[in-house]
Amino acid sequence: MCRMARPRKPLLSRDRIVEAARALVDAEGLTAVSTRRLAAELGVSGPSLYNHFRTKDEILEAVADSVSAQVDLSMFDPADERDWRTALHDWAVSYRAALTLHPNIVPVLAHGPGRRPAGLRLADAVFGAMVDAGWPAAQATSIGALLRYFVMGSALGSFAGGFVDDEAAYDPADYPHLGQAHLLADRQQRIDERAFDTGLRALLDGLALQYEQVATPAA
């Protein structure tokens, strides 16, 4: 009797599930994810997902962590020669880039790293680098939180995208300073990136002033 050869790779894995769930979240939002929908997308039976994840929430946590894993942390490596301010700037830019590719998962990420390995590595790298640079531990914690709030907020929505491409919507009699507001949506990416850069530099300027007062620079 001829037996069918077993597939060389398993039909299902954690990585495949996370990849499919991330694609669903990106395309349709968090509410699109269910074990039934994922099983259909992967061409497997629903119960087989439970061999890898116990609940849908666990899947979403893994999706969130997969996005955190896309953030560059090389600037915090002890061998890297960037100063703390440059490192924070470059990390924030990388962080925002990852989140803007996957904005629908930001509400899950906003709950904190919890037990997510990549999220914890991210938090550990930022805190450790700030302490090594001479920041007191309390301020180092605040810096990590501050940058996290700023980056996530910028990724959640677009200021420019909140205006409609209709000049008539902004009657000068009602809104005397919004005569060009109908042009914002068409320039959304450029405006949002410039706003992020302006805010990031302002934050870092303020932190640099605090650093002079409270930090003990490393030898």
N, C-alpha and C. Protein backbone atom coordinates (compact mmCIF):
# COMPACT_ATOMS: atom_id res chain seq x y z
N MET A 1 0.84 -1.18 0.00
CA MET A 1 0.00 0.00 0.00
C MET A 1 0.89 1.25 0.00
N CYS A 2 0.57 2.17 -0.89
CA CYS A 2 1.36 3.39 -1.03
C CYS A 2 0.89 4.43 -0.02
N ARG A 3 1.82 4.96 0.70
CA ARG A 3 1.49 5.99 1.67
C ARG A 3 1.93 7.37 1.15
N MET A 4 1.12 8.37 1.47
CA MET A 4 1.47 9.72 1.07
C MET A 4 2.65 10.22 1.89
N ALA A 5 3.58 10.86 1.22
CA ALA A 5 4.75 11.41 1.92
C ALA A 5 4.32 12.55 2.83
N ARG A 6 4.92 12.60 3.99
CA ARG A 6 4.62 13.68 4.93
C ARG A 6 5.25 14.98 4.42
N PRO A 7 4.56 16.10 4.59
CA PRO A 7 5.15 17.37 4.14
C PRO A 7 6.44 17.67 4.90
N ARG A 8 7.41 18.26 4.18
CA ARG A 8 8.68 18.57 4.82
C ARG A 8 8.52 19.65 5.87
N LYS A 9 7.60 20.59 5.65
CA LYS A 9 7.36 21.66 6.60
C LYS A 9 5.97 21.50 7.20
N PRO A 10 5.82 21.82 8.47
CA PRO A 10 4.49 21.71 9.07
C PRO A 10 3.51 22.66 8.39
N LEU A 11 2.27 22.23 8.31
CA LEU A 11 1.26 23.05 7.66
C LEU A 11 1.00 24.33 8.42
N LEU A 12 1.26 24.30 9.71
CA LEU A 12 0.94 25.46 10.53
C LEU A 12 2.07 25.72 11.51
N SER A 13 2.33 26.99 11.75
CA SER A 13 3.35 27.39 12.72
C SER A 13 2.92 28.71 13.33
N ARG A 14 3.56 29.06 14.44
CA ARG A 14 3.27 30.35 15.07
C ARG A 14 3.54 31.50 14.10
N ASP A 15 4.65 31.41 13.38
CA ASP A 15 5.01 32.49 12.46
C ASP A 15 3.97 32.66 11.37
N ARG A 16 3.46 31.55 10.82
CA ARG A 16 2.44 31.65 9.78
C ARG A 16 1.17 32.27 10.32
N ILE A 17 0.79 31.90 11.52
CA ILE A 17 -0.42 32.45 12.12
C ILE A 17 -0.26 33.95 12.34
N VAL A 18 0.89 34.33 12.90
CA VAL A 18 1.13 35.76 13.17
C VAL A 18 1.16 36.55 11.87
N GLU A 19 1.79 36.01 10.85
CA GLU A 19 1.85 36.71 9.57
C GLU A 19 0.46 36.91 8.98
N ALA A 20 -0.37 35.88 9.05
CA ALA A 20 -1.73 35.99 8.51
C ALA A 20 -2.56 36.97 9.33
N ALA A 21 -2.41 36.91 10.65
CA ALA A 21 -3.17 37.82 11.51
C ALA A 21 -2.73 39.26 11.29
N ARG A 22 -1.43 39.47 11.14
CA ARG A 22 -0.93 40.84 10.90
C ARG A 22 -1.47 41.39 9.59
N ALA A 23 -1.54 40.56 8.57
CA ALA A 23 -2.09 41.01 7.28
C ALA A 23 -3.56 41.39 7.42
N LEU A 24 -4.30 40.60 8.21
CA LEU A 24 -5.72 40.93 8.43
C LEU A 24 -5.87 42.24 9.18
N VAL A 25 -5.07 42.41 10.22
CA VAL A 25 -5.14 43.65 11.01
C VAL A 25 -4.79 44.85 10.14
N ASP A 26 -3.76 44.72 9.33
CA ASP A 26 -3.36 45.82 8.46
C ASP A 26 -4.46 46.19 7.47
N ALA A 27 -5.10 45.17 6.92
CA ALA A 27 -6.09 45.41 5.87
C ALA A 27 -7.46 45.82 6.40
N GLU A 28 -7.87 45.23 7.53
CA GLU A 28 -9.25 45.41 7.96
C GLU A 28 -9.42 45.83 9.42
N GLY A 29 -8.36 45.86 10.18
CA GLY A 29 -8.46 46.28 11.57
C GLY A 29 -8.55 45.12 12.54
N LEU A 30 -8.51 45.45 13.82
CA LEU A 30 -8.48 44.43 14.87
C LEU A 30 -9.72 43.54 14.87
N THR A 31 -10.86 44.12 14.55
CA THR A 31 -12.11 43.35 14.62
C THR A 31 -12.18 42.25 13.56
N ALA A 32 -11.32 42.33 12.56
CA ALA A 32 -11.35 41.32 11.50
C ALA A 32 -10.74 40.00 11.95
N VAL A 33 -9.99 40.03 13.03
CA VAL A 33 -9.27 38.83 13.46
C VAL A 33 -10.17 37.96 14.33
N SER A 34 -10.33 36.74 13.92
CA SER A 34 -11.00 35.71 14.72
C SER A 34 -10.34 34.39 14.38
N THR A 35 -10.47 33.42 15.25
CA THR A 35 -9.84 32.13 14.97
C THR A 35 -10.47 31.48 13.73
N ARG A 36 -11.76 31.68 13.56
CA ARG A 36 -12.42 31.09 12.38
C ARG A 36 -11.89 31.72 11.10
N ARG A 37 -11.77 33.06 11.10
CA ARG A 37 -11.29 33.76 9.91
C ARG A 37 -9.83 33.38 9.62
N LEU A 38 -9.02 33.33 10.66
CA LEU A 38 -7.62 32.96 10.46
C LEU A 38 -7.48 31.54 9.92
N ALA A 39 -8.28 30.63 10.46
CA ALA A 39 -8.21 29.25 9.99
C ALA A 39 -8.57 29.18 8.51
N ALA A 40 -9.57 29.95 8.10
CA ALA A 40 -9.96 29.97 6.70
C ALA A 40 -8.84 30.55 5.83
N GLU A 41 -8.21 31.61 6.31
CA GLU A 41 -7.13 32.23 5.55
C GLU A 41 -5.94 31.28 5.39
N LEU A 42 -5.71 30.47 6.42
CA LEU A 42 -4.56 29.56 6.41
C LEU A 42 -4.89 28.20 5.82
N GLY A 43 -6.16 27.96 5.57
CA GLY A 43 -6.57 26.68 4.99
C GLY A 43 -6.45 25.52 5.96
N VAL A 44 -6.75 25.78 7.24
CA VAL A 44 -6.68 24.73 8.25
C VAL A 44 -7.98 24.74 9.05
N SER A 45 -8.11 23.76 9.92
CA SER A 45 -9.28 23.73 10.79
C SER A 45 -9.06 24.66 11.98
N GLY A 46 -10.15 25.24 12.47
CA GLY A 46 -10.07 26.17 13.59
C GLY A 46 -9.34 25.64 14.80
N PRO A 47 -9.65 24.43 15.27
CA PRO A 47 -9.00 23.90 16.48
C PRO A 47 -7.49 23.78 16.36
N SER A 48 -6.97 23.66 15.14
CA SER A 48 -5.52 23.50 14.99
C SER A 48 -4.76 24.74 15.43
N LEU A 49 -5.42 25.90 15.42
CA LEU A 49 -4.77 27.12 15.89
C LEU A 49 -4.43 27.03 17.37
N TYR A 50 -5.25 26.28 18.11
CA TYR A 50 -5.06 26.21 19.56
C TYR A 50 -3.84 25.40 19.96
N ASN A 51 -3.21 24.74 19.00
CA ASN A 51 -1.94 24.08 19.29
C ASN A 51 -0.81 25.10 19.45
N HIS A 52 -1.06 26.33 18.99
CA HIS A 52 -0.04 27.37 19.03
C HIS A 52 -0.45 28.58 19.89
N PHE A 53 -1.72 28.90 19.91
CA PHE A 53 -2.23 30.03 20.70
C PHE A 53 -3.52 29.61 21.39
N ARG A 54 -3.65 30.01 22.65
CA ARG A 54 -4.84 29.63 23.40
C ARG A 54 -6.04 30.51 23.08
N THR A 55 -5.80 31.79 22.78
CA THR A 55 -6.89 32.72 22.54
C THR A 55 -6.56 33.67 21.40
N LYS A 56 -7.58 34.38 20.94
CA LYS A 56 -7.36 35.40 19.93
C LYS A 56 -6.48 36.52 20.48
N ASP A 57 -6.67 36.86 21.75
CA ASP A 57 -5.86 37.92 22.36
C ASP A 57 -4.38 37.56 22.33
N GLU A 58 -4.05 36.30 22.54
CA GLU A 58 -2.65 35.89 22.46
C GLU A 58 -2.10 36.10 21.05
N ILE A 59 -2.93 35.86 20.06
CA ILE A 59 -2.50 36.07 18.67
C ILE A 59 -2.22 37.55 18.44
N LEU A 60 -3.11 38.42 18.91
CA LEU A 60 -2.91 39.85 18.73
C LEU A 60 -1.68 40.35 19.49
N GLU A 61 -1.43 39.77 20.65
CA GLU A 61 -0.22 40.13 21.39
C GLU A 61 1.02 39.76 20.56
N ALA A 62 0.98 38.60 19.93
CA ALA A 62 2.11 38.17 19.11
C ALA A 62 2.27 39.05 17.88
N VAL A 63 1.16 39.48 17.30
CA VAL A 63 1.23 40.41 16.17
C VAL A 63 1.87 41.72 16.60
N ALA A 64 1.44 42.24 17.75
CA ALA A 64 2.02 43.48 18.27
C ALA A 64 3.52 43.32 18.48
N ASP A 65 3.93 42.19 19.02
CA ASP A 65 5.35 41.98 19.28
C ASP A 65 6.13 41.86 17.99
N SER A 66 5.51 41.30 16.97
CA SER A 66 6.20 41.19 15.68
C SER A 66 6.48 42.56 15.08
N VAL A 67 5.62 43.52 15.38
CA VAL A 67 5.84 44.90 14.90
C VAL A 67 6.95 45.56 15.73
N SER A 68 6.95 45.34 17.03
CA SER A 68 8.02 45.86 17.88
C SER A 68 9.38 45.33 17.42
N ALA A 69 9.41 44.09 16.93
CA ALA A 69 10.66 43.48 16.50
C ALA A 69 11.22 44.15 15.25
N GLN A 70 10.40 44.94 14.55
CA GLN A 70 10.86 45.64 13.35
C GLN A 70 11.61 46.93 13.66
N VAL A 71 11.56 47.36 14.93
CA VAL A 71 12.20 48.62 15.32
C VAL A 71 13.70 48.41 15.47
N ASP A 72 14.48 49.29 14.86
CA ASP A 72 15.94 49.22 14.94
C ASP A 72 16.41 49.62 16.34
N LEU A 73 17.24 48.78 16.96
CA LEU A 73 17.81 49.07 18.27
C LEU A 73 19.33 49.15 18.23
N SER A 74 19.89 49.13 17.03
CA SER A 74 21.35 49.08 16.92
C SER A 74 22.02 50.32 17.50
N MET A 75 21.30 51.44 17.53
CA MET A 75 21.90 52.68 18.05
C MET A 75 22.16 52.62 19.55
N PHE A 76 21.56 51.64 20.23
CA PHE A 76 21.77 51.50 21.67
C PHE A 76 22.84 50.46 22.01
N ASP A 77 23.42 49.87 21.00
CA ASP A 77 24.49 48.91 21.24
C ASP A 77 25.69 49.62 21.85
N PRO A 78 26.30 49.06 22.88
CA PRO A 78 27.46 49.71 23.50
C PRO A 78 28.58 50.04 22.52
N ALA A 79 28.66 49.29 21.44
CA ALA A 79 29.72 49.53 20.46
C ALA A 79 29.39 50.70 19.53
N ASP A 80 28.13 51.10 19.52
CA ASP A 80 27.72 52.21 18.67
C ASP A 80 28.19 53.53 19.29
N GLU A 81 28.65 54.44 18.46
CA GLU A 81 29.25 55.68 18.97
C GLU A 81 28.28 56.86 18.99
N ARG A 82 27.02 56.64 18.71
CA ARG A 82 26.07 57.75 18.75
C ARG A 82 25.82 58.19 20.19
N ASP A 83 25.75 59.51 20.42
CA ASP A 83 25.42 60.02 21.75
C ASP A 83 23.96 59.76 22.04
N TRP A 84 23.56 59.95 23.30
CA TRP A 84 22.20 59.58 23.72
C TRP A 84 21.13 60.31 22.93
N ARG A 85 21.36 61.59 22.60
CA ARG A 85 20.35 62.35 21.87
C ARG A 85 20.18 61.84 20.44
N THR A 86 21.29 61.61 19.76
CA THR A 86 21.22 61.08 18.39
C THR A 86 20.60 59.69 18.38
N ALA A 87 20.96 58.88 19.38
CA ALA A 87 20.40 57.53 19.46
C ALA A 87 18.89 57.58 19.65
N LEU A 88 18.42 58.46 20.54
CA LEU A 88 16.98 58.59 20.75
C LEU A 88 16.28 59.05 19.49
N HIS A 89 16.87 60.01 18.80
CA HIS A 89 16.27 60.51 17.56
C HIS A 89 16.14 59.39 16.53
N ASP A 90 17.23 58.66 16.30
CA ASP A 90 17.22 57.62 15.28
C ASP A 90 16.28 56.48 15.66
N TRP A 91 16.23 56.17 16.95
CA TRP A 91 15.31 55.13 17.40
C TRP A 91 13.86 55.55 17.21
N ALA A 92 13.53 56.79 17.55
CA ALA A 92 12.16 57.28 17.41
C ALA A 92 11.72 57.27 15.95
N VAL A 93 12.63 57.63 15.05
CA VAL A 93 12.31 57.61 13.62
C VAL A 93 12.02 56.18 13.16
N SER A 94 12.85 55.22 13.60
CA SER A 94 12.63 53.82 13.24
C SER A 94 11.34 53.29 13.85
N TYR A 95 11.08 53.67 15.10
CA TYR A 95 9.87 53.25 15.81
C TYR A 95 8.63 53.72 15.06
N ARG A 96 8.62 55.00 14.69
CA ARG A 96 7.46 55.54 13.98
C ARG A 96 7.29 54.87 12.62
N ALA A 97 8.40 54.60 11.93
CA ALA A 97 8.31 53.94 10.62
C ALA A 97 7.63 52.59 10.73
N ALA A 98 7.97 51.83 11.77
CA ALA A 98 7.35 50.51 11.97
C ALA A 98 5.86 50.65 12.25
N LEU A 99 5.50 51.62 13.10
CA LEU A 99 4.10 51.76 13.48
C LEU A 99 3.25 52.32 12.34
N THR A 100 3.80 53.21 11.54
CA THR A 100 3.01 53.76 10.43
C THR A 100 2.73 52.71 9.36
N LEU A 101 3.56 51.65 9.33
CA LEU A 101 3.28 50.54 8.42
C LEU A 101 2.15 49.66 8.95
N HIS A 102 1.95 49.68 10.27
CA HIS A 102 0.94 48.82 10.90
C HIS A 102 0.13 49.62 11.94
N PRO A 103 -0.52 50.70 11.56
CA PRO A 103 -1.20 51.57 12.53
C PRO A 103 -2.34 50.90 13.28
N ASN A 104 -2.97 49.90 12.68
CA ASN A 104 -4.14 49.28 13.32
C ASN A 104 -3.79 48.47 14.56
N ILE A 105 -2.51 48.11 14.70
CA ILE A 105 -2.11 47.33 15.88
C ILE A 105 -1.67 48.23 17.02
N VAL A 106 -1.58 49.53 16.79
CA VAL A 106 -1.09 50.46 17.83
C VAL A 106 -1.92 50.39 19.11
N PRO A 107 -3.27 50.28 19.05
CA PRO A 107 -4.02 50.17 20.31
C PRO A 107 -3.59 48.99 21.18
N VAL A 108 -3.16 47.89 20.58
CA VAL A 108 -2.66 46.76 21.36
C VAL A 108 -1.28 47.08 21.93
N LEU A 109 -0.43 47.68 21.12
CA LEU A 109 0.89 48.07 21.58
C LEU A 109 0.82 49.07 22.72
N ALA A 110 -0.21 49.92 22.70
CA ALA A 110 -0.32 50.97 23.70
C ALA A 110 -0.56 50.43 25.10
N HIS A 111 -0.95 49.17 25.23
CA HIS A 111 -1.17 48.58 26.55
C HIS A 111 0.13 48.25 27.27
N GLY A 112 1.25 48.45 26.59
CA GLY A 112 2.54 48.18 27.24
C GLY A 112 3.13 46.87 26.76
N PRO A 113 4.40 46.65 27.06
CA PRO A 113 5.06 45.44 26.57
C PRO A 113 4.59 44.16 27.24
N GLY A 114 4.08 44.27 28.48
CA GLY A 114 3.61 43.06 29.16
C GLY A 114 4.67 42.00 29.21
N ARG A 115 4.40 40.86 28.56
CA ARG A 115 5.37 39.77 28.49
C ARG A 115 5.94 39.58 27.08
N ARG A 116 5.72 40.57 26.21
CA ARG A 116 6.18 40.43 24.83
C ARG A 116 7.70 40.57 24.76
N PRO A 117 8.40 39.57 24.25
CA PRO A 117 9.87 39.60 24.24
C PRO A 117 10.46 40.80 23.49
N ALA A 118 9.99 41.07 22.28
CA ALA A 118 10.55 42.18 21.51
C ALA A 118 10.25 43.52 22.17
N GLY A 119 9.05 43.65 22.71
CA GLY A 119 8.69 44.88 23.40
C GLY A 119 9.53 45.10 24.64
N LEU A 120 9.82 44.03 25.35
CA LEU A 120 10.66 44.15 26.55
C LEU A 120 12.11 44.46 26.18
N ARG A 121 12.59 43.88 25.08
CA ARG A 121 13.95 44.21 24.63
C ARG A 121 14.04 45.68 24.24
N LEU A 122 12.98 46.19 23.63
CA LEU A 122 12.95 47.60 23.25
C LEU A 122 13.02 48.49 24.49
N ALA A 123 12.17 48.20 25.47
CA ALA A 123 12.15 49.01 26.70
C ALA A 123 13.49 48.91 27.43
N ASP A 124 14.05 47.72 27.47
CA ASP A 124 15.32 47.50 28.15
C ASP A 124 16.45 48.28 27.47
N ALA A 125 16.44 48.30 26.15
CA ALA A 125 17.50 48.98 25.40
C ALA A 125 17.46 50.48 25.64
N VAL A 126 16.27 51.06 25.59
CA VAL A 126 16.15 52.51 25.78
C VAL A 126 16.54 52.90 27.21
N PHE A 127 15.99 52.20 28.18
CA PHE A 127 16.28 52.52 29.58
C PHE A 127 17.77 52.34 29.87
N GLY A 128 18.33 51.24 29.44
CA GLY A 128 19.74 50.96 29.70
C GLY A 128 20.66 52.01 29.08
N ALA A 129 20.33 52.41 27.85
CA ALA A 129 21.17 53.40 27.17
C ALA A 129 21.11 54.74 27.87
N MET A 130 19.93 55.12 28.36
CA MET A 130 19.81 56.41 29.04
C MET A 130 20.56 56.40 30.37
N VAL A 131 20.45 55.31 31.11
CA VAL A 131 21.17 55.20 32.38
C VAL A 131 22.68 55.21 32.12
N ASP A 132 23.11 54.48 31.10
CA ASP A 132 24.55 54.45 30.78
C ASP A 132 25.06 55.82 30.35
N ALA A 133 24.17 56.65 29.78
CA ALA A 133 24.57 57.98 29.35
C ALA A 133 24.64 58.96 30.51
N GLY A 134 24.15 58.54 31.68
CA GLY A 134 24.23 59.41 32.85
C GLY A 134 22.91 59.92 33.38
N TRP A 135 21.80 59.53 32.73
CA TRP A 135 20.50 59.94 33.23
C TRP A 135 20.17 59.16 34.51
N PRO A 136 19.60 59.82 35.53
CA PRO A 136 19.10 59.08 36.69
C PRO A 136 18.01 58.11 36.25
N ALA A 137 17.86 57.01 36.97
CA ALA A 137 16.92 55.97 36.56
C ALA A 137 15.50 56.49 36.40
N ALA A 138 15.05 57.36 37.32
CA ALA A 138 13.68 57.88 37.23
C ALA A 138 13.47 58.65 35.93
N GLN A 139 14.44 59.51 35.59
CA GLN A 139 14.32 60.27 34.35
C GLN A 139 14.44 59.37 33.12
N ALA A 140 15.27 58.34 33.23
CA ALA A 140 15.40 57.41 32.10
C ALA A 140 14.07 56.72 31.82
N THR A 141 13.36 56.35 32.89
CA THR A 141 12.03 55.76 32.72
C THR A 141 11.08 56.74 32.06
N SER A 142 11.11 57.99 32.51
CA SER A 142 10.22 59.01 31.96
C SER A 142 10.52 59.28 30.48
N ILE A 143 11.80 59.25 30.12
CA ILE A 143 12.17 59.49 28.73
C ILE A 143 11.61 58.38 27.83
N GLY A 144 11.75 57.13 28.27
CA GLY A 144 11.19 56.04 27.49
C GLY A 144 9.69 56.17 27.32
N ALA A 145 9.00 56.53 28.40
CA ALA A 145 7.55 56.70 28.33
C ALA A 145 7.18 57.87 27.43
N LEU A 146 7.87 58.99 27.59
CA LEU A 146 7.59 60.18 26.80
C LEU A 146 7.70 59.92 25.31
N LEU A 147 8.81 59.32 24.90
CA LEU A 147 9.01 59.04 23.48
C LEU A 147 7.99 58.04 22.96
N ARG A 148 7.62 57.10 23.81
CA ARG A 148 6.62 56.11 23.43
C ARG A 148 5.26 56.79 23.18
N TYR A 149 4.85 57.67 24.09
CA TYR A 149 3.60 58.40 23.90
C TYR A 149 3.63 59.19 22.59
N PHE A 150 4.73 59.88 22.37
CA PHE A 150 4.84 60.75 21.21
C PHE A 150 4.80 59.95 19.91
N VAL A 151 5.57 58.89 19.85
CA VAL A 151 5.63 58.10 18.62
C VAL A 151 4.29 57.43 18.34
N MET A 152 3.70 56.82 19.35
CA MET A 152 2.42 56.14 19.14
C MET A 152 1.33 57.12 18.74
N GLY A 153 1.31 58.29 19.38
CA GLY A 153 0.31 59.28 19.02
C GLY A 153 0.44 59.72 17.58
N SER A 154 1.67 59.87 17.12
CA SER A 154 1.88 60.30 15.74
C SER A 154 1.47 59.23 14.74
N ALA A 155 1.53 57.97 15.16
CA ALA A 155 1.20 56.87 14.26
C ALA A 155 -0.29 56.56 14.22
N LEU A 156 -1.01 57.00 15.24
CA LEU A 156 -2.44 56.66 15.34
C LEU A 156 -3.30 57.38 14.32
N GLY A 157 -2.91 58.57 13.94
CA GLY A 157 -3.74 59.31 13.01
C GLY A 157 -2.96 60.41 12.33
N SER A 158 -3.58 61.02 11.34
CA SER A 158 -2.93 62.08 10.57
C SER A 158 -3.66 63.39 10.78
N PHE A 159 -2.93 64.41 11.20
CA PHE A 159 -3.52 65.75 11.32
C PHE A 159 -3.96 66.24 9.95
N ALA A 160 -3.06 66.16 8.98
CA ALA A 160 -3.37 66.65 7.64
C ALA A 160 -4.52 65.86 7.01
N GLY A 161 -4.54 64.56 7.28
CA GLY A 161 -5.59 63.72 6.71
C GLY A 161 -6.96 63.98 7.30
N GLY A 162 -7.01 64.78 8.35
CA GLY A 162 -8.30 65.08 8.98
C GLY A 162 -9.08 66.18 8.29
N PHE A 163 -8.50 66.79 7.26
CA PHE A 163 -9.17 67.83 6.51
C PHE A 163 -9.66 67.28 5.18
N VAL A 164 -10.76 67.81 4.69
CA VAL A 164 -11.34 67.32 3.43
C VAL A 164 -10.84 68.15 2.26
N ASP A 165 -10.81 67.52 1.11
CA ASP A 165 -10.35 68.18 -0.11
C ASP A 165 -11.52 68.92 -0.75
N ASP A 166 -12.01 69.92 -0.05
CA ASP A 166 -13.17 70.69 -0.51
C ASP A 166 -13.05 72.12 0.01
N GLU A 167 -12.69 73.03 -0.87
CA GLU A 167 -12.46 74.41 -0.46
C GLU A 167 -13.69 75.03 0.17
N ALA A 168 -14.88 74.62 -0.29
CA ALA A 168 -16.13 75.19 0.22
C ALA A 168 -16.38 74.83 1.69
N ALA A 169 -15.69 73.80 2.19
CA ALA A 169 -15.91 73.38 3.58
C ALA A 169 -15.31 74.36 4.57
N TYR A 170 -14.46 75.26 4.08
CA TYR A 170 -13.75 76.17 4.98
C TYR A 170 -14.05 77.62 4.59
N ASP A 171 -15.29 78.00 4.81
CA ASP A 171 -15.75 79.35 4.49
C ASP A 171 -14.95 80.38 5.30
N PRO A 172 -14.30 81.34 4.63
CA PRO A 172 -13.51 82.36 5.35
C PRO A 172 -14.33 83.13 6.39
N ALA A 173 -15.63 83.22 6.19
CA ALA A 173 -16.46 83.92 7.16
C ALA A 173 -16.48 83.18 8.50
N ASP A 174 -16.36 81.87 8.43
CA ASP A 174 -16.37 81.05 9.65
C ASP A 174 -14.96 80.71 10.12
N TYR A 175 -14.07 80.47 9.15
CA TYR A 175 -12.71 80.03 9.48
C TYR A 175 -11.71 80.91 8.72
N PRO A 176 -11.47 82.12 9.20
CA PRO A 176 -10.65 83.08 8.45
C PRO A 176 -9.20 82.65 8.23
N HIS A 177 -8.72 81.67 8.98
CA HIS A 177 -7.32 81.26 8.86
C HIS A 177 -7.15 79.89 8.19
N LEU A 178 -8.23 79.33 7.67
CA LEU A 178 -8.16 77.99 7.07
C LEU A 178 -8.41 78.02 5.57
N GLY A 179 -7.99 79.09 4.94
CA GLY A 179 -8.22 79.21 3.51
C GLY A 179 -7.49 78.18 2.67
N GLN A 180 -6.40 77.60 3.19
CA GLN A 180 -5.64 76.58 2.45
C GLN A 180 -5.83 75.18 3.03
N ALA A 181 -6.77 75.05 3.97
CA ALA A 181 -6.92 73.77 4.66
C ALA A 181 -7.32 72.64 3.72
N HIS A 182 -8.00 72.96 2.63
CA HIS A 182 -8.43 71.91 1.71
C HIS A 182 -7.25 71.28 0.96
N LEU A 183 -6.08 71.90 1.04
CA LEU A 183 -4.89 71.36 0.37
C LEU A 183 -4.10 70.39 1.26
N LEU A 184 -4.44 70.35 2.54
CA LEU A 184 -3.64 69.56 3.48
C LEU A 184 -3.68 68.07 3.19
N ALA A 185 -4.86 67.55 2.90
CA ALA A 185 -4.99 66.10 2.71
C ALA A 185 -4.10 65.61 1.57
N ASP A 186 -3.94 66.42 0.53
CA ASP A 186 -3.13 66.03 -0.62
C ASP A 186 -1.64 66.02 -0.27
N ARG A 187 -1.26 66.73 0.79
CA ARG A 187 0.13 66.82 1.20
C ARG A 187 0.35 66.11 2.55
N GLN A 188 -0.49 65.13 2.82
CA GLN A 188 -0.55 64.50 4.14
C GLN A 188 0.79 63.95 4.61
N GLN A 189 1.44 63.15 3.81
CA GLN A 189 2.68 62.50 4.26
C GLN A 189 3.75 63.53 4.58
N ARG A 190 3.93 64.52 3.71
CA ARG A 190 4.97 65.52 3.93
C ARG A 190 4.69 66.34 5.19
N ILE A 191 3.43 66.73 5.39
CA ILE A 191 3.07 67.53 6.55
C ILE A 191 3.24 66.73 7.84
N ASP A 192 2.77 65.48 7.83
CA ASP A 192 2.86 64.66 9.04
C ASP A 192 4.30 64.36 9.40
N GLU A 193 5.14 64.10 8.42
CA GLU A 193 6.55 63.83 8.70
C GLU A 193 7.25 65.07 9.23
N ARG A 194 6.90 66.23 8.67
CA ARG A 194 7.51 67.47 9.14
C ARG A 194 7.06 67.78 10.57
N ALA A 195 5.79 67.53 10.85
CA ALA A 195 5.28 67.77 12.20
C ALA A 195 5.97 66.84 13.20
N PHE A 196 6.15 65.58 12.82
CA PHE A 196 6.84 64.63 13.70
C PHE A 196 8.26 65.09 13.96
N ASP A 197 8.96 65.48 12.91
CA ASP A 197 10.35 65.92 13.06
C ASP A 197 10.43 67.17 13.94
N THR A 198 9.50 68.11 13.75
CA THR A 198 9.49 69.33 14.57
C THR A 198 9.28 69.00 16.04
N GLY A 199 8.31 68.13 16.31
CA GLY A 199 8.02 67.76 17.69
C GLY A 199 9.15 66.98 18.33
N LEU A 200 9.74 66.06 17.56
CA LEU A 200 10.84 65.25 18.10
C LEU A 200 12.03 66.12 18.46
N ARG A 201 12.38 67.04 17.59
CA ARG A 201 13.51 67.92 17.87
C ARG A 201 13.22 68.81 19.08
N ALA A 202 11.97 69.27 19.21
CA ALA A 202 11.62 70.10 20.37
C ALA A 202 11.74 69.30 21.67
N LEU A 203 11.30 68.04 21.64
CA LEU A 203 11.42 67.19 22.82
C LEU A 203 12.89 66.96 23.18
N LEU A 204 13.69 66.68 22.18
CA LEU A 204 15.10 66.42 22.44
C LEU A 204 15.83 67.68 22.91
N ASP A 205 15.44 68.84 22.40
CA ASP A 205 16.02 70.09 22.88
C ASP A 205 15.73 70.28 24.36
N GLY A 206 14.47 70.01 24.74
CA GLY A 206 14.10 70.13 26.15
C GLY A 206 14.83 69.14 27.03
N LEU A 207 14.98 67.91 26.54
CA LEU A 207 15.71 66.90 27.31
C LEU A 207 17.18 67.28 27.46
N ALA A 208 17.75 67.89 26.43
CA ALA A 208 19.15 68.29 26.51
C ALA A 208 19.36 69.32 27.61
N LEU A 209 18.39 70.22 27.79
CA LEU A 209 18.49 71.20 28.87
C LEU A 209 18.40 70.51 30.24
N GLN A 210 17.51 69.52 30.36
CA GLN A 210 17.40 68.78 31.61
C GLN A 210 18.67 67.99 31.89
N TYR A 211 19.24 67.45 30.83
CA TYR A 211 20.45 66.63 30.98
C TYR A 211 21.56 67.41 31.66
N GLU A 212 21.70 68.68 31.30
CA GLU A 212 22.74 69.51 31.88
C GLU A 212 22.55 69.69 33.38
N GLN A 213 21.31 69.57 33.84
CA GLN A 213 21.00 69.82 35.25
C GLN A 213 21.04 68.57 36.12
N VAL A 214 20.62 67.42 35.55
CA VAL A 214 20.42 66.25 36.40
C VAL A 214 21.35 65.08 36.12
N ALA A 215 21.97 65.07 34.95
CA ALA A 215 22.71 63.88 34.55
C ALA A 215 24.13 63.87 35.07
N THR A 216 24.64 62.67 35.20
CA THR A 216 26.04 62.45 35.55
C THR A 216 26.66 61.71 34.37
N PRO A 217 27.26 62.44 33.45
CA PRO A 217 27.78 61.80 32.23
C PRO A 217 28.73 60.67 32.55
N ALA A 218 28.59 59.61 31.79
CA ALA A 218 29.48 58.44 31.99
C ALA A 218 30.89 58.79 31.58
N ALA A 219 31.84 58.13 32.21
CA ALA A 219 33.25 58.39 31.87
C ALA A 219 33.50 57.87 30.47
